[in-house]
Protein backbone atom coordinates (compact mmCIF):
# COMPACT_ATOMS: atom_id res chain seq x y z
CA MET A 1 82.02 118.02 140.02
CA ALA A 2 81.29 114.46 138.94
CA GLU A 3 81.01 115.61 135.33
CA ASP A 4 84.47 117.22 135.53
CA SER A 5 85.86 114.00 136.98
CA ASN A 6 84.37 111.96 134.13
CA THR A 7 85.73 114.40 131.58
CA GLU A 8 89.18 114.20 133.15
CA SER A 9 89.00 110.40 133.15
CA LYS A 10 88.10 110.35 129.45
CA LEU A 11 90.98 112.66 128.66
CA ILE A 12 93.40 110.47 130.58
CA THR A 13 92.09 107.36 128.79
CA THR A 14 92.27 109.01 125.39
CA GLU A 15 95.72 110.57 125.84
CA PRO A 16 97.86 107.40 125.35
CA ARG A 17 95.90 106.50 122.22
CA LEU A 18 96.30 110.03 120.85
CA ILE A 19 100.03 109.96 121.56
CA SER A 20 100.30 106.57 119.87
CA ARG A 21 98.51 107.88 116.78
CA VAL A 22 100.79 110.93 116.61
CA ARG A 23 103.89 108.73 116.95
CA ASN A 24 102.69 106.36 114.28
CA LEU A 25 101.85 109.24 111.92
CA SER A 26 105.26 110.83 112.60
CA SER A 27 106.99 107.50 111.94
CA ARG A 28 105.24 107.06 108.60
CA LYS A 29 106.05 110.64 107.58
CA ALA A 30 109.68 110.16 108.63
CA ASP A 31 109.93 107.02 106.49
CA ARG A 32 108.50 108.80 103.46
CA HIS A 33 110.76 111.79 103.99
CA ALA A 34 113.85 109.61 104.35
CA LEU A 35 113.10 107.84 101.06
CA SER A 36 112.26 111.10 99.30
CA ARG A 37 115.54 112.67 100.48
CA LEU A 38 117.49 109.67 99.19
CA LEU A 39 115.72 109.78 95.83
CA ARG A 40 116.25 113.54 95.62
CA ALA A 41 119.98 113.13 96.28
CA ALA A 42 120.19 110.32 93.71
CA GLY A 43 118.36 112.46 91.17
CA LEU A 44 120.72 115.40 91.69
CA LEU A 45 123.73 113.12 91.39
CA LEU A 46 122.38 111.60 88.18
CA ALA A 47 121.64 115.06 86.76
CA VAL A 48 125.20 116.25 87.46
CA PHE A 49 126.59 113.05 85.91
CA ILE A 50 124.51 113.53 82.73
CA VAL A 51 125.42 117.22 82.47
CA GLY A 52 129.12 116.40 82.89
CA THR A 53 129.02 113.60 80.33
CA LEU A 54 127.24 115.70 77.73
CA GLY A 55 129.41 118.71 78.59
CA TYR A 56 132.67 116.88 77.87
CA TYR A 57 131.18 115.28 74.76
CA PHE A 58 130.06 118.55 73.19
CA LEU A 59 133.06 120.60 74.33
CA CYS A 60 135.31 118.04 72.63
CA GLU A 61 133.12 118.32 69.52
CA GLY A 62 132.68 114.54 69.28
CA GLU A 63 136.41 113.80 69.47
CA TYR A 64 135.68 111.45 72.39
CA ASP A 65 132.65 109.18 72.54
CA LEU A 66 129.97 109.26 75.24
CA LEU A 67 131.49 106.35 77.15
CA THR A 68 134.82 108.15 77.49
CA SER A 69 133.03 111.36 78.45
CA ALA A 70 131.05 109.45 81.08
CA TYR A 71 134.24 107.88 82.43
CA MET A 72 135.88 111.31 82.68
CA THR A 73 132.86 112.61 84.58
CA LEU A 74 132.94 109.62 86.93
CA ILE A 75 136.60 109.94 87.90
CA THR A 76 136.14 113.68 88.34
CA LEU A 77 133.16 113.30 90.68
CA THR A 78 134.74 110.52 92.70
CA THR A 79 138.25 112.12 92.67
CA ILE A 80 139.80 108.73 91.90
CA GLY A 81 142.69 110.41 90.15
CA PHE A 82 143.43 107.92 87.36
CA GLY A 83 144.55 110.77 85.13
CA GLU A 84 142.87 112.82 82.43
CA VAL A 85 141.39 110.54 79.78
CA ILE A 86 140.22 113.76 78.15
CA PRO A 87 142.89 116.51 78.04
CA VAL A 88 141.87 119.52 80.12
CA THR A 89 145.03 121.63 80.39
CA GLY A 90 145.02 124.33 77.73
CA TYR A 91 141.26 124.16 77.21
CA PRO A 92 139.55 126.89 79.29
CA ASP A 93 136.03 125.56 78.64
CA ARG A 94 136.99 122.06 79.78
CA ILE A 95 138.76 123.48 82.85
CA ALA A 96 135.63 125.45 83.77
CA LEU A 97 133.44 122.34 83.41
CA THR A 98 135.83 120.28 85.52
CA MET A 99 135.85 122.94 88.25
CA VAL A 100 132.05 123.01 88.31
CA LEU A 101 131.93 119.22 88.54
CA VAL A 102 134.46 119.11 91.35
CA ILE A 103 132.75 121.83 93.41
CA MET A 104 129.12 120.93 92.82
CA GLY A 105 129.57 117.24 92.16
CA MET A 106 131.53 116.51 95.28
CA GLY A 107 128.97 118.27 97.44
CA ILE A 108 126.13 116.33 95.86
CA MET A 109 128.11 113.08 96.07
CA LEU A 110 128.71 113.58 99.80
CA TYR A 111 125.03 114.44 100.28
CA PHE A 112 123.99 111.27 98.47
CA VAL A 113 126.38 109.07 100.45
CA SER A 114 125.21 110.57 103.75
CA GLN A 115 121.54 110.02 102.85
CA LEU A 116 122.22 106.46 101.72
CA THR A 117 124.10 105.70 104.93
CA ALA A 118 121.33 107.17 107.07
CA PHE A 119 118.70 105.25 105.10
CA VAL A 120 120.46 101.95 105.81
CA VAL A 121 121.82 102.55 109.32
CA ASP A 122 118.67 104.16 110.75
CA GLY A 123 116.60 101.16 109.70
CA ASP A 124 114.47 102.93 107.08
CA LEU A 125 115.48 100.41 104.42
CA ARG A 126 114.79 97.47 106.74
CA ASP A 127 111.38 98.85 107.68
CA MET A 128 110.45 99.49 104.06
CA LEU A 129 111.42 95.97 102.99
CA PHE A 130 109.59 94.50 105.98
CA ARG A 131 106.39 96.38 105.14
CA ARG A 132 106.57 95.19 101.54
CA LYS A 133 107.00 91.60 102.73
CA MET A 134 104.06 92.03 105.11
CA ASN A 135 101.86 93.50 102.36
CA LYS A 136 102.66 90.55 100.09
CA GLN A 137 101.56 88.14 102.84
CA ILE A 138 98.32 90.04 103.36
CA ASN A 139 97.59 90.25 99.63
CA LYS A 140 97.70 86.44 99.45
CA LEU A 141 94.99 86.08 102.12
CA ASN A 142 91.36 85.50 101.28
CA ASN A 143 88.37 84.93 103.59
CA HIS A 144 90.60 85.89 106.49
CA PHE A 145 89.82 87.66 109.75
CA ILE A 146 90.97 91.12 110.82
CA ILE A 147 91.50 91.96 114.48
CA SER A 148 91.60 95.67 115.20
CA GLY A 149 92.87 96.62 118.64
CA ILE A 150 95.18 94.23 120.45
CA GLY A 151 94.33 95.09 124.04
CA SER A 152 93.25 92.69 126.76
CA THR A 153 90.17 91.63 124.79
CA GLY A 154 91.84 91.58 121.37
CA GLN A 155 94.57 89.24 122.58
CA HIS A 156 92.00 86.63 123.59
CA VAL A 157 90.28 87.00 120.22
CA LEU A 158 93.61 86.47 118.48
CA ASP A 159 94.45 83.44 120.61
CA GLU A 160 91.15 81.76 119.74
CA ILE A 161 91.47 82.46 116.00
CA ILE A 162 95.00 81.05 115.95
CA ARG A 163 93.97 77.96 117.91
CA SER A 164 91.15 77.51 115.40
CA ASN A 165 93.77 77.58 112.64
CA ARG A 166 92.24 80.53 110.77
CA PRO A 167 94.17 83.18 108.81
CA CYS A 168 94.14 86.66 110.31
CA VAL A 169 95.65 90.14 110.17
CA LEU A 170 96.32 92.36 113.17
CA ILE A 171 95.85 96.13 113.37
CA ASP A 172 97.02 98.24 116.28
CA SER A 173 98.40 101.74 116.68
CA ASN A 174 100.90 100.73 119.39
CA VAL A 175 104.13 99.53 117.75
CA GLU A 176 105.71 98.04 120.86
CA ARG A 177 102.58 96.14 121.89
CA ILE A 178 101.87 94.57 118.52
CA GLU A 179 105.51 93.58 117.89
CA SER A 180 105.77 92.00 121.33
CA LEU A 181 102.55 90.06 120.75
CA VAL A 182 103.70 88.82 117.33
CA GLU A 183 106.97 87.59 118.86
CA ASP A 184 105.00 85.68 121.50
CA ILE A 185 102.86 84.09 118.79
CA GLU A 186 105.91 82.96 116.84
CA HIS A 187 107.41 81.48 120.00
CA ASN A 188 104.27 79.74 121.30
CA TYR A 189 102.58 78.67 118.06
CA GLU A 190 105.47 78.75 115.55
CA ARG A 191 103.30 80.84 113.27
CA GLN A 192 103.80 84.23 111.65
CA VAL A 193 100.86 86.60 111.77
CA PRO A 194 100.91 89.64 109.44
CA TYR A 195 100.16 92.95 111.09
CA ILE A 196 99.72 96.62 110.32
CA VAL A 197 100.66 99.47 112.61
CA GLY A 198 98.01 102.14 112.24
CA ASP A 199 94.56 103.45 113.11
CA ALA A 200 91.73 101.04 112.22
CA THR A 201 89.32 103.96 111.73
CA GLU A 202 91.24 105.06 108.62
CA ASP A 203 90.23 103.74 105.21
CA HIS A 204 93.71 103.02 103.89
CA ILE A 205 94.62 100.93 106.94
CA LEU A 206 91.58 98.67 106.47
CA GLU A 207 92.35 98.52 102.76
CA GLU A 208 95.91 97.37 103.49
CA ALA A 209 94.46 94.68 105.76
CA GLY A 210 92.37 93.34 102.86
CA ILE A 211 88.94 94.38 104.09
CA GLU A 212 87.45 93.70 100.63
CA ARG A 213 88.47 90.02 100.83
CA ALA A 214 87.94 89.48 104.56
CA GLN A 215 85.40 87.08 106.01
CA GLY A 216 85.10 88.94 109.28
CA ILE A 217 86.53 91.79 111.30
CA VAL A 218 86.63 92.32 115.06
CA PHE A 219 86.87 95.79 116.60
CA THR A 220 88.13 95.93 120.19
CA LEU A 221 89.27 99.54 120.28
CA GLY A 222 89.45 101.69 123.37
CA ASN A 223 85.91 103.09 123.47
CA ASP A 224 82.48 102.96 121.83
CA ARG A 225 83.18 106.07 119.76
CA ASP A 226 86.19 104.55 117.99
CA ASN A 227 84.49 101.17 117.57
CA LEU A 228 81.41 102.85 116.11
CA PHE A 229 83.39 104.97 113.66
CA ALA A 230 85.50 101.96 112.62
CA THR A 231 82.31 99.95 112.07
CA ILE A 232 80.92 102.62 109.76
CA THR A 233 84.20 102.70 107.82
CA ALA A 234 84.42 98.92 107.46
CA ARG A 235 80.78 98.56 106.37
CA SER A 236 81.20 101.23 103.71
CA MET A 237 84.16 99.29 102.27
CA ASN A 238 82.60 95.81 102.36
CA GLN A 239 78.84 95.24 102.52
CA LYS A 240 79.14 91.49 103.13
CA VAL A 241 81.87 91.24 105.77
CA ARG A 242 80.83 90.10 109.24
CA ILE A 243 81.58 92.88 111.74
CA VAL A 244 81.83 92.03 115.42
CA THR A 245 82.54 94.92 117.76
CA ARG A 246 83.02 95.33 121.46
CA GLY A 247 80.63 97.64 123.28
CA GLU A 248 80.77 99.30 126.68
CA ASN A 249 77.24 100.67 127.02
CA PRO A 250 74.35 98.29 126.13
CA GLN A 251 72.21 101.32 125.33
CA SER A 252 74.38 101.94 122.25
CA GLU A 253 73.45 98.59 120.65
CA GLN A 254 71.02 100.11 118.15
CA LYS A 255 73.60 102.68 117.08
CA PHE A 256 76.08 99.90 116.31
CA LEU A 257 73.46 97.94 114.37
CA ARG A 258 72.50 100.99 112.31
CA ALA A 259 76.21 101.62 111.65
CA GLY A 260 76.50 98.15 110.11
CA ALA A 261 77.69 95.90 112.93
CA THR A 262 76.66 92.27 112.62
CA SER A 263 77.07 91.56 116.32
CA ILE A 264 77.92 93.61 119.41
CA ILE A 265 79.61 92.01 122.37
CA PHE A 266 79.21 93.76 125.71
CA THR A 267 82.01 92.27 127.77
CA ASN A 268 80.56 93.35 131.11
CA VAL A 269 77.25 91.67 130.31
CA LEU A 270 78.96 88.47 129.18
CA GLY A 271 81.17 88.51 132.25
CA GLY A 272 78.16 88.76 134.51
CA MET A 273 76.35 85.96 132.68
CA ARG A 274 79.41 83.75 132.93
CA MET A 275 79.73 84.34 136.68
CA ALA A 276 76.06 83.45 137.15
CA ALA A 277 76.51 80.27 135.09
CA GLU A 278 79.56 79.36 137.16
CA VAL A 279 77.40 79.46 140.28
CA ILE A 280 74.29 77.78 138.85
CA ARG A 281 75.82 75.26 136.39
CA PRO A 282 79.42 74.68 137.46
CA GLU A 283 79.86 71.37 135.59
CA VAL A 284 78.63 72.88 132.32
CA THR A 285 81.06 75.76 132.56
CA GLY A 286 83.77 73.30 133.53
CA PHE A 287 83.08 71.29 130.37
CA LEU A 288 83.17 74.42 128.20
CA ASP A 289 86.41 75.53 129.82
CA LEU A 290 87.97 72.14 129.16
CA MET A 291 86.87 72.28 125.53
CA MET A 292 88.27 75.79 125.05
CA HIS A 293 91.53 75.40 126.92
CA ASP A 294 92.56 71.76 126.46
CA HIS A 295 95.89 72.19 124.69
CA GLY A 296 96.11 68.51 123.79
CA GLU A 297 92.86 68.19 121.81
CA VAL A 298 91.44 71.48 120.54
CA ARG A 299 87.68 71.02 120.16
CA ARG A 300 85.35 73.71 118.96
CA ILE A 301 81.75 74.14 117.94
CA GLU A 302 82.09 74.92 114.23
CA GLU A 303 79.60 75.98 111.58
CA LEU A 304 80.00 74.36 108.18
CA ASP A 305 78.17 75.20 104.94
CA ILE A 306 77.01 72.51 102.55
CA PRO A 307 78.03 73.49 98.98
CA GLU A 308 75.39 73.54 96.25
CA SER A 309 77.34 70.83 94.39
CA SER A 310 77.62 68.60 97.44
CA PRO A 311 76.82 64.90 96.83
CA LEU A 312 75.11 64.88 100.23
CA ILE A 313 72.27 67.16 99.12
CA GLY A 314 69.02 65.23 99.34
CA LYS A 315 70.53 62.62 101.61
CA SER A 316 69.69 62.10 105.25
CA LEU A 317 72.02 62.40 108.18
CA LYS A 318 72.06 58.60 108.44
CA GLN A 319 72.95 58.17 104.75
CA ALA A 320 75.73 60.77 104.95
CA ASN A 321 77.41 58.67 107.66
CA LEU A 322 79.84 61.44 108.66
CA ARG A 323 80.71 59.53 111.82
CA LYS A 324 82.48 56.92 109.72
CA HIS A 325 85.36 59.30 109.02
CA THR A 326 85.21 61.64 112.02
CA ASP A 327 83.88 61.79 115.56
CA ALA A 328 82.12 65.10 114.87
CA LEU A 329 78.91 65.52 116.82
CA ILE A 330 76.16 67.37 114.93
CA VAL A 331 74.62 69.59 117.59
CA ALA A 332 72.15 71.44 115.35
CA VAL A 333 71.17 72.17 111.76
CA TYR A 334 70.62 75.76 110.67
CA ASN A 335 68.33 76.64 107.77
CA LYS A 336 69.61 79.80 106.08
CA THR A 337 66.25 80.50 104.41
CA ASN A 338 63.98 80.70 107.43
CA ARG A 339 66.85 81.21 109.91
CA GLU A 340 65.66 78.42 112.16
CA TYR A 341 67.67 75.86 114.11
CA THR A 342 66.90 72.18 114.45
CA PHE A 343 68.57 71.05 117.64
CA ASN A 344 69.80 67.48 117.98
CA PRO A 345 68.68 66.49 114.45
CA GLY A 346 67.43 62.95 113.96
CA PRO A 347 68.87 60.36 111.51
CA ASN A 348 66.21 61.24 108.89
CA CYS A 349 67.11 64.95 108.78
CA GLN A 350 67.87 65.76 105.12
CA PHE A 351 70.60 68.02 103.80
CA ASN A 352 70.04 70.78 101.23
CA ALA A 353 71.92 73.77 99.85
CA GLU A 354 70.40 76.01 102.53
CA THR A 355 71.69 73.80 105.35
CA LYS A 356 74.48 74.78 107.68
CA LEU A 357 75.78 72.24 110.17
CA ILE A 358 76.64 73.17 113.74
CA VAL A 359 79.10 70.53 114.90
CA LEU A 360 81.29 69.83 117.92
CA THR A 361 84.57 68.56 116.53
CA LEU A 362 88.34 68.65 116.70
CA VAL A 363 89.76 71.67 114.91
CA LYS A 364 92.17 69.43 113.00
CA ASP A 365 89.18 67.46 111.61
CA VAL A 366 87.46 70.50 110.08
CA PRO A 367 89.26 70.16 106.68
CA LYS A 368 88.22 66.50 106.56
CA ILE A 369 84.54 67.34 107.20
CA GLU A 370 84.63 70.13 104.61
CA ALA A 371 86.05 67.69 102.07
CA LEU A 372 83.29 65.17 102.85
CA LEU A 373 80.60 67.82 102.45
CA ALA A 374 82.08 68.99 99.13
CA GLY A 375 82.60 65.45 97.81
CA LYS A 376 86.34 65.95 97.52
CA PRO A 377 89.16 63.52 98.42
CA LEU A 378 90.10 63.56 102.07
CA PRO A 379 93.21 65.58 102.93
CA SER A 380 96.31 63.43 103.19
CA ARG A 381 97.61 65.39 106.18
CA LEU A 382 95.43 66.80 108.93
C-alpha cells in the first residue's frame, strides 16, 4: 500500500514536468513548421513567377525581353490591371499561359500572403528573431555559469550569481516561469540574463547554452534521476567544467561522483546543519547572513588564482601589500599541487603559480584584486 502511494506521488510530481516538456517540444515543432510552410509558399510563388516569365519570353520568341516578360507575369499574378504590356488577344498559347497563371498563381499568392500574415501575427517571426538575439548573447559568453532548473533552489543560485556579478545562462522547461523570473531580474537588477527554454538533459540544449566554454554548471532539476542524467550529459560534453548538482538522497552521492559531478549539495542536510548552527553559534550565522544579504555592501568570500606571469610570484604577503589598494582580508591560501589550505597566512607566506587566494572582499573590488595579481593597471571604474 505504501509502495503504491509512493508510486502515485512520483507520478504526480513527474506529470507537470512531462507536460512542460511536451508543450516545449510542440512549441519548437510549431515554430519550425510555420517557417517551413512560409518558405514552401514562397518557393511555389517564385516557381510560378519564373515559369510565367520564361513562358512569355519563349512564346513571344524573344520579341519582348525578360524584364518585360517578368513585368507581365507580375501584373497577371497580382491582378493589378495596368493593361497588357505583351499582347495576348489573338494568341491562343499566350491566352492559355495567362489563364494558368491567373488560376494557379492567384491561389499560390493567397496562400503565401496568408502564411506570411500568420507568421507575423502569431508571433513566430518575433520568437525567431528573439531566439537569434539570445543565441548571439550566449555565443559571446566565456567562462560563464549555466543554471539548469529555475525552481525554488535554482532561483537562489541565480540571485547569488547575479549579486556576485558573474555571467550566466538559464535553462528551464517552463516558459512562463523562466520569462517571469527574467522580467524580475531586469526590474530588480537592471540586467538582462540570456535563457533557453528546453530540457537540460538534452545535448543540443546544453550546446546552445555554451557548455564547451562554461566555467561551471548547476543542476537543480526536479529529482535525482534527472540531475544524474544531466550530469552525465554535461560531463561527456566538457571534461573540465565544474558540475554542481542538487541531491535528494545522500546515499546517491557516489553515483553522482561516478557520473562526473564535482560537488553534490544535499539541501536537506545543509538545512539541518544550518539550523543546528543557528542554535549553537547564533552570532556567527548572523554575521554570515549580514554578509550574504547586505544590499548596501555586497561582500563575499572569493577564490582568486595567481597567474603564472604575476609579478607577485616569489613575493611574500607583506611585500605584495594588497591592503594598500583594497580592504580584502586573506582568509586562507590554497595550494593546488598538494590541495592543502593554509589558514590565516602570516606576512611571510610566499606566492607561487600554484597558489590560490581565499579572500573576504567586496564584490566590486574583485576586478581590482585580479588586476593587482596579474600586474595590470587598475580598472578605472569599479
